[in-house]
Protein backbone atom coordinates (compact mmCIF):
# COMPACT_ATOMS: atom_id res chain seq x y z
CA UNK A 1 -23.15 -76.64 91.53
CA UNK A 2 -21.49 -75.24 88.36
CA UNK A 3 -21.86 -71.56 87.47
CA UNK A 4 -21.28 -70.56 83.84
CA UNK A 5 -20.35 -66.93 83.16
CA UNK A 6 -21.13 -65.51 79.71
CA UNK A 7 -19.99 -61.93 80.22
CA UNK A 8 -17.35 -59.98 82.03
CA UNK A 9 -17.15 -57.71 85.01
CA UNK A 10 -17.18 -58.09 88.77
CA UNK A 11 -18.90 -61.21 90.06
CA UNK A 12 -19.97 -61.75 93.68
CA UNK A 13 -20.61 -65.29 94.88
CA UNK A 14 -22.30 -66.01 98.23
CA UNK A 15 -22.61 -69.52 99.69
CA UNK A 16 -24.44 -70.66 102.80
CA UNK A 17 -25.56 -73.93 104.33
CA UNK A 18 -28.59 -74.28 106.56
CA UNK A 19 -28.32 -76.62 109.49
CA UNK A 20 -30.44 -79.65 110.21
CA UNK A 21 -30.84 -82.26 112.97
CA UNK A 22 -27.38 -83.64 112.30
CA UNK A 23 -25.36 -80.59 111.26
CA UNK A 24 -25.05 -77.06 112.52
CA UNK A 25 -25.59 -74.20 110.05
CA UNK A 26 -22.43 -73.16 108.20
CA UNK A 27 -21.30 -69.57 108.23
CA UNK A 28 -22.13 -67.64 105.07
CA UNK A 29 -19.16 -67.12 102.72
CA UNK A 30 -18.96 -64.33 100.14
CA UNK A 31 -16.29 -63.89 97.47
CA UNK A 32 -15.92 -61.23 94.77
CA UNK A 33 -13.75 -61.55 91.67
CA UNK A 34 -13.38 -59.94 88.26
CA UNK A 35 -14.05 -61.80 85.01
CA UNK A 36 -12.01 -60.54 82.02
CA UNK A 37 -12.89 -60.95 78.35
CA UNK A 38 -10.82 -62.20 75.40
CA UNK A 39 -10.77 -60.66 71.90
CA UNK A 40 -9.48 -62.80 69.04
CA UNK A 41 -8.82 -61.03 65.73
CA UNK A 42 -8.08 -62.75 62.43
CA UNK A 43 -7.53 -61.74 58.80
CA UNK A 44 -8.08 -63.60 55.55
CA UNK A 45 -5.34 -63.69 52.90
CA UNK A 46 -4.48 -60.27 51.54
CA UNK A 47 -4.31 -58.07 54.60
CA UNK A 48 -3.96 -57.64 58.34
CA UNK A 49 -5.92 -56.33 61.30
CA UNK A 50 -4.61 -54.25 64.20
CA UNK A 51 -6.27 -53.19 67.42
CA UNK A 52 -6.00 -50.34 69.84
CA UNK A 53 -5.97 -51.28 72.77
CA UNK A 54 -3.99 -54.46 72.13
CA UNK A 55 -4.37 -56.49 75.34
CA UNK A 56 -4.47 -60.16 76.24
CA UNK A 57 -7.67 -59.61 78.27
CA UNK A 58 -10.17 -56.77 78.58
CA UNK A 59 -12.45 -55.50 81.30
CA UNK A 60 -16.15 -55.47 80.43
CA UNK A 61 -17.14 -52.22 78.73
CA UNK A 62 -13.69 -51.54 77.23
CA UNK A 63 -13.78 -49.93 73.77
CA UNK A 64 -11.35 -51.35 71.22
CA UNK A 65 -10.63 -49.92 67.77
CA UNK A 66 -10.00 -52.42 64.97
CA UNK A 67 -8.28 -51.35 61.74
CA UNK A 68 -8.14 -53.54 58.63
CA UNK A 69 -5.20 -52.87 56.29
CA UNK A 70 -5.15 -54.50 52.82
CA UNK A 71 -1.95 -55.54 51.10
CA UNK A 72 -1.08 -54.17 47.66
CA UNK A 73 -3.48 -55.59 45.09
CA UNK A 74 -6.20 -56.35 47.67
CA UNK A 75 -9.20 -54.53 49.16
CA UNK A 76 -11.00 -54.80 52.49
CA UNK A 77 -14.54 -56.17 52.00
CA UNK A 78 -15.96 -56.32 55.53
CA UNK A 79 -16.00 -57.86 59.00
CA UNK A 80 -17.36 -61.23 60.00
CA UNK A 81 -17.78 -63.20 63.21
CA UNK A 82 -18.84 -61.01 66.14
CA UNK A 83 -18.84 -57.89 63.96
CA UNK A 84 -20.45 -57.06 60.62
CA UNK A 85 -20.37 -54.25 58.08
CA UNK A 86 -17.58 -52.46 56.26
CA UNK A 87 -16.80 -49.56 58.60
CA UNK A 88 -13.04 -49.22 58.92
CA UNK A 89 -11.69 -48.48 61.50
CA UNK A 90 -14.35 -50.12 63.65
CA UNK A 91 -14.88 -49.51 67.37
CA UNK A 92 -16.31 -52.41 69.38
CA UNK A 93 -17.32 -52.65 73.03
CA UNK A 94 -16.19 -55.71 74.95
CA UNK A 95 -19.33 -57.18 76.50
CA UNK A 96 -18.44 -60.83 75.84
CA UNK A 97 -15.60 -62.90 74.43
CA UNK A 98 -15.38 -62.04 70.73
CA UNK A 99 -13.78 -63.43 67.56
CA UNK A 100 -13.70 -60.99 64.65
CA UNK A 101 -12.29 -61.54 61.15
CA UNK A 102 -11.22 -58.90 58.63
CA UNK A 103 -11.99 -60.11 55.10
CA UNK A 104 -10.04 -59.14 51.98
CA UNK A 105 -10.29 -59.85 48.25
CA UNK A 106 -7.92 -59.36 45.36
CA UNK A 107 -8.46 -56.35 43.08
CA UNK A 108 -7.88 -55.75 39.37
CA UNK A 109 -6.48 -52.84 37.38
CA UNK A 110 -7.76 -51.48 34.07
CA UNK A 111 -5.32 -49.82 31.68
CA UNK A 112 -6.60 -48.05 28.57
CA UNK A 113 -4.71 -46.83 25.53
CA UNK A 114 -5.34 -45.46 22.06
CA UNK A 115 -3.98 -46.26 18.60
CA UNK A 116 -4.61 -43.32 16.32
CA UNK A 117 -6.26 -40.01 17.10
CA UNK A 118 -8.83 -40.15 19.84
CA UNK A 119 -9.43 -40.73 23.54
CA UNK A 120 -11.07 -43.23 25.90
CA UNK A 121 -13.49 -42.34 28.68
CA UNK A 122 -13.68 -44.70 31.67
CA UNK A 123 -16.71 -44.84 34.01
CA UNK A 124 -16.19 -45.36 36.89
CA UNK A 125 -12.57 -44.26 36.91
CA UNK A 126 -10.69 -46.09 39.68
CA UNK A 127 -7.16 -47.15 40.49
CA UNK A 128 -8.41 -50.68 41.31
CA UNK A 129 -11.65 -52.63 40.86
CA UNK A 130 -13.31 -55.40 42.85
CA UNK A 131 -14.06 -58.69 41.09
CA UNK A 132 -17.29 -58.42 39.10
CA UNK A 133 -17.35 -54.62 38.83
CA UNK A 134 -18.64 -53.37 35.47
CA UNK A 135 -16.82 -50.54 33.71
CA UNK A 136 -18.05 -48.58 30.68
CA UNK A 137 -15.50 -47.51 28.06
CA UNK A 138 -16.35 -44.83 25.51
CA UNK A 139 -14.12 -44.10 22.51
CA UNK A 140 -14.19 -40.53 21.16
CA UNK A 141 -12.49 -39.73 17.86
CA UNK A 142 -11.02 -36.34 16.98
CA UNK A 143 -11.87 -34.52 13.78
CA UNK A 144 -10.52 -36.41 10.78
CA UNK A 145 -10.61 -39.76 12.55
CA UNK A 146 -13.19 -42.43 13.27
CA UNK A 147 -13.41 -45.18 15.84
CA UNK A 148 -12.54 -48.59 14.37
CA UNK A 149 -12.48 -51.25 17.10
CA UNK A 150 -11.27 -52.33 20.52
CA UNK A 151 -8.35 -54.64 21.09
CA UNK A 152 -6.75 -56.32 24.09
CA UNK A 153 -9.04 -57.16 26.99
CA UNK A 154 -12.26 -56.06 25.25
CA UNK A 155 -12.38 -57.00 21.54
CA UNK A 156 -15.21 -55.80 19.32
CA UNK A 157 -16.46 -52.61 17.74
CA UNK A 158 -19.40 -51.64 19.96
CA UNK A 159 -19.07 -48.15 21.37
CA UNK A 160 -19.57 -47.62 24.27
CA UNK A 161 -18.59 -51.06 25.54
CA UNK A 162 -18.89 -52.58 29.02
CA UNK A 163 -16.09 -54.56 30.63
CA UNK A 164 -16.58 -56.92 33.58
CA UNK A 165 -13.51 -56.96 35.79
CA UNK A 166 -12.60 -60.61 36.29
CA UNK A 167 -8.87 -60.00 35.81
CA UNK A 168 -6.52 -57.07 35.26
CA UNK A 169 -7.08 -55.81 31.71
CA UNK A 170 -5.45 -53.61 29.09
CA UNK A 171 -7.86 -52.27 26.46
CA UNK A 172 -6.91 -50.22 23.40
CA UNK A 173 -9.25 -48.06 21.33
CA UNK A 174 -8.21 -48.12 17.68
CA UNK A 175 -8.96 -45.15 15.45
CA UNK A 176 -8.62 -44.76 11.70
CA UNK A 177 -8.12 -41.70 9.52
CA UNK A 178 -11.24 -40.64 7.65
CA UNK A 179 -11.30 -38.84 4.29
CA UNK A 180 -13.98 -36.68 2.79
CA UNK A 181 -15.07 -37.44 -0.78
CA UNK A 182 -16.98 -34.67 -2.52
CA UNK A 183 -18.76 -35.59 -5.76
CA UNK A 184 -20.55 -33.33 -8.21
CA UNK A 185 -21.98 -33.64 -11.71
CA UNK A 186 -21.92 -31.12 -14.54
CA UNK A 187 -24.35 -31.11 -17.34
CA UNK A 188 -27.29 -33.47 -17.49
CA UNK A 189 -26.39 -36.40 -15.17
CA UNK A 190 -25.85 -37.66 -11.65
CA UNK A 191 -23.08 -39.29 -9.65
CA UNK A 192 -23.66 -42.25 -7.36
CA UNK A 193 -21.27 -43.64 -4.77
CA UNK A 194 -21.04 -47.16 -3.45
CA UNK A 195 -20.77 -47.36 -0.52
CA UNK A 196 -22.42 -44.05 0.30
CA UNK A 197 -20.28 -42.37 2.95
CA UNK A 198 -20.63 -39.17 4.89
């Protein structure tokens, strides 16, 4: 008979053979042995995974800490295989042979600048963004200036504007100097302006 073991730990095997008219009963035999477990860790492109304890085989019930470390320009996105979620470091308990993969993805940077007198607000403000993240940029002019348009990775004149991070981007808010025109009429008459500004 074949015995298949799916877990680890101490296993006790007992064998016996009853006798019959032709054969005498065989003495009972008992054997104990320990079954160890194997942990295989892998990482996708862009990072590495380390473990503590780092052993070739583990006893059943052993706790192992896994730590995913992304390379520059990448981010850890989660575990797959015999572990799930995004907790990092992650502690697992060896109750079976396991294969666990640390998954990484490339990240993008967003650089903002101004031409003229004003500022740019960024929400959310991060050092790096995951693919598909949406960022809102808001241009704010100082007194005597007005927002004109965006240039670079987000052309247009809408304000605020949303940017979807599908690559690293540099976006510039362009401001222009504004002038105040005061008009007045004396006597019996009026003054009209075209276009009518503020």
